[in-house]
C-alpha atoms as a PDB file:
ATOM      1  CA  MET A   1       0.526  -0.016   0.488  1.00  0.00           C
ATOM      2  CA  LYS A   2       3.039   2.356   0.754  1.00  0.00           C
ATOM      3  CA  ARG A   3       4.570   1.892  -3.185  1.00  0.00           C
ATOM      4  CA  PHE A   4       0.866   2.792  -4.358  1.00  0.00           C
ATOM      5  CA  ARG A   5       0.513   6.029  -2.581  1.00  0.00           C
ATOM      6  CA  GLY A   6       4.525   6.820  -3.503  1.00  0.00           C
ATOM      7  CA  TRP A   7       3.332   6.634  -6.790  1.00  0.00           C
ATOM      8  CA  ALA A   8       0.099   8.377  -6.219  1.00  0.00           C
ATOM      9  CA  ALA A   9       2.031  11.229  -4.808  1.00  0.00           C
ATOM     10  CA  ALA A  10       4.297  11.280  -7.998  1.00  0.00           C
ATOM     11  CA  ALA A  11       1.427  11.047 -10.487  1.00  0.00           C
ATOM     12  CA  ALA A  12      -0.683  14.003  -8.856  1.00  0.00           C
ATOM     13  CA  ALA A  13       2.843  16.872  -8.903  1.00  0.00           C
ATOM     14  CA  CYS A  14       3.368  15.771 -12.756  1.00  0.00           C
ATOM     15  CA  VAL A  15      -0.749  16.539 -12.980  1.00  0.00           C
ATOM     16  CA  ALA A  16       0.094  19.186 -10.940  1.00  0.00           C
ATOM     17  CA  LEU A  17       3.383  20.329 -12.523  1.00  0.00           C
ATOM     18  CA  ASP A  18       1.158  20.238 -15.809  1.00  0.00           C
ATOM     19  CA  LEU A  19      -1.792  22.101 -14.870  1.00  0.00           C
ATOM     20  CA  ILE A  20       0.503  25.321 -13.788  1.00  0.00           C
ATOM     21  CA  ALA A  21       2.916  24.966 -16.672  1.00  0.00           C
ATOM     22  CA  PRO A  22       2.744  27.244 -19.273  1.00  0.00           C
ATOM     23  CA  SER A  23       1.705  26.072 -22.871  1.00  0.00           C
ATOM     24  CA  SER A  24       4.226  27.279 -24.764  1.00  0.00           C
ATOM     25  CA  ALA A  25       7.357  28.679 -24.024  1.00  0.00           C
ATOM     26  CA  HIS A  26       8.778  30.864 -27.387  1.00  0.00           C
ATOM     27  CA  ALA A  27      12.758  30.106 -26.776  1.00  0.00           C
ATOM     28  CA  TYR A  28      15.752  28.921 -27.878  1.00  0.00           C
ATOM     29  CA  ILE A  29      19.059  27.182 -27.583  1.00  0.00           C
ATOM     30  CA  ASP A  30      21.766  30.394 -28.731  1.00  0.00           C
ATOM     31  CA  MET A  31      25.090  29.129 -30.225  1.00  0.00           C
ATOM     32  CA  GLY A  32      27.051  29.843 -27.368  1.00  0.00           C
ATOM     33  CA  THR A  33      24.835  28.097 -24.749  1.00  0.00           C
ATOM     34  CA  GLY A  34      24.656  24.532 -27.192  1.00  0.00           C
ATOM     35  CA  SER A  35      28.842  25.042 -27.739  1.00  0.00           C
ATOM     36  CA  TYR A  36      28.316  24.523 -23.791  1.00  0.00           C
ATOM     37  CA  PHE A  37      26.227  21.424 -23.573  1.00  0.00           C
ATOM     38  CA  ILE A  38      28.522  19.539 -26.038  1.00  0.00           C
ATOM     39  CA  GLN A  39      31.079  21.077 -24.494  1.00  0.00           C
ATOM     40  CA  LEU A  40      29.022  19.544 -21.003  1.00  0.00           C
ATOM     41  CA  ALA A  41      28.865  16.498 -22.656  1.00  0.00           C
ATOM     42  CA  ALA A  42      32.393  15.538 -23.443  1.00  0.00           C
ATOM     43  CA  ALA A  43      33.714  16.395 -20.842  1.00  0.00           C
ATOM     44  CA  ALA A  44      31.073  13.970 -18.893  1.00  0.00           C
ATOM     45  CA  VAL A  45      32.271  10.680 -21.365  1.00  0.00           C
ATOM     46  CA  LEU A  46      35.641  12.097 -21.242  1.00  0.00           C
ATOM     47  CA  GLY A  47      35.646  12.220 -17.466  1.00  0.00           C
ATOM     48  CA  THR A  48      34.017   8.717 -17.590  1.00  0.00           C
ATOM     49  CA  VAL A  49      36.447   6.575 -19.524  1.00  0.00           C
ATOM     50  CA  PHE A  50      39.844   8.282 -17.592  1.00  0.00           C
ATOM     51  CA  THR A  51      38.668   7.598 -14.296  1.00  0.00           C
ATOM     52  CA  VAL A  52      37.436   3.721 -15.712  1.00  0.00           C
ATOM     53  CA  LYS A  53      41.167   3.693 -16.969  1.00  0.00           C
ATOM     54  CA  MET A  54      42.458   4.028 -13.629  1.00  0.00           C
ATOM     55  CA  TYR A  55      40.546   2.175 -12.172  1.00  0.00           C
ATOM     56  CA  TRP A  56      40.308  -1.342 -14.785  1.00  0.00           C
ATOM     57  CA  THR A  57      42.653  -3.202 -12.726  1.00  0.00           C
ATOM     58  CA  SER A  58      40.735  -3.253  -9.571  1.00  0.00           C
ATOM     59  CA  ILE A  59      37.268  -3.307 -11.788  1.00  0.00           C
ATOM     60  CA  LEU A  60      39.073  -6.385 -13.185  1.00  0.00           C
ATOM     61  CA  ALA A  61      39.781  -7.905 -10.487  1.00  0.00           C
ATOM     62  CA  SER A  62      36.689  -7.601  -8.084  1.00  0.00           C
ATOM     63  CA  VAL A  63      34.734  -8.478 -11.032  1.00  0.00           C
ATOM     64  CA  LYS A  64      36.875 -12.008 -11.582  1.00  0.00           C
ATOM     65  CA  THR A  65      36.759 -12.139  -8.466  1.00  0.00           C
ATOM     66  CA  HIS A  66      32.839 -12.510  -8.444  1.00  0.00           C
ATOM     67  CA  PHE A  67      32.694 -14.677 -10.883  1.00  0.00           C
ATOM     68  CA  ALA A  68      34.763 -17.247  -8.952  1.00  0.00           C
ATOM     69  CA  ASP A  69      33.406 -17.310  -6.401  1.00  0.00           C
ATOM     70  CA  ARG A  70      30.472 -17.991  -8.069  1.00  0.00           C
ATOM     71  CA  ALA A  71      30.893 -20.749  -9.254  1.00  0.00           C
ATOM     72  CA  LYS A  72      32.391 -22.583  -6.416  1.00  0.00           C
ATOM     73  CA  ARG A  73      29.029 -21.358  -4.798  1.00  0.00           C
ATOM     74  CA  HIS A  74      27.664 -23.195  -7.639  1.00  0.00           C
ATOM     75  CA  GLY A  75      29.928 -26.382  -8.333  1.00  0.00           C
ATOM     76  CA  ALA A  76      30.809 -24.879 -11.259  1.00  0.00           C
END
């Protein structure tokens, strides 16, 4: 029942937001803002790649350990 209340509250919030929001906004994204969003996206991708590169050995070791433990538990 608590889960339904959460969904009902979220649905009510969405309906309320839809009713109070303006129907149309005559706006645009100019060149500076567009290039800034592209720069943010590129930084996020490169940051993620760099982080994975830095921690790759520990990520790989933990995945190997996880599957080795799982294989031992299931007797494979």
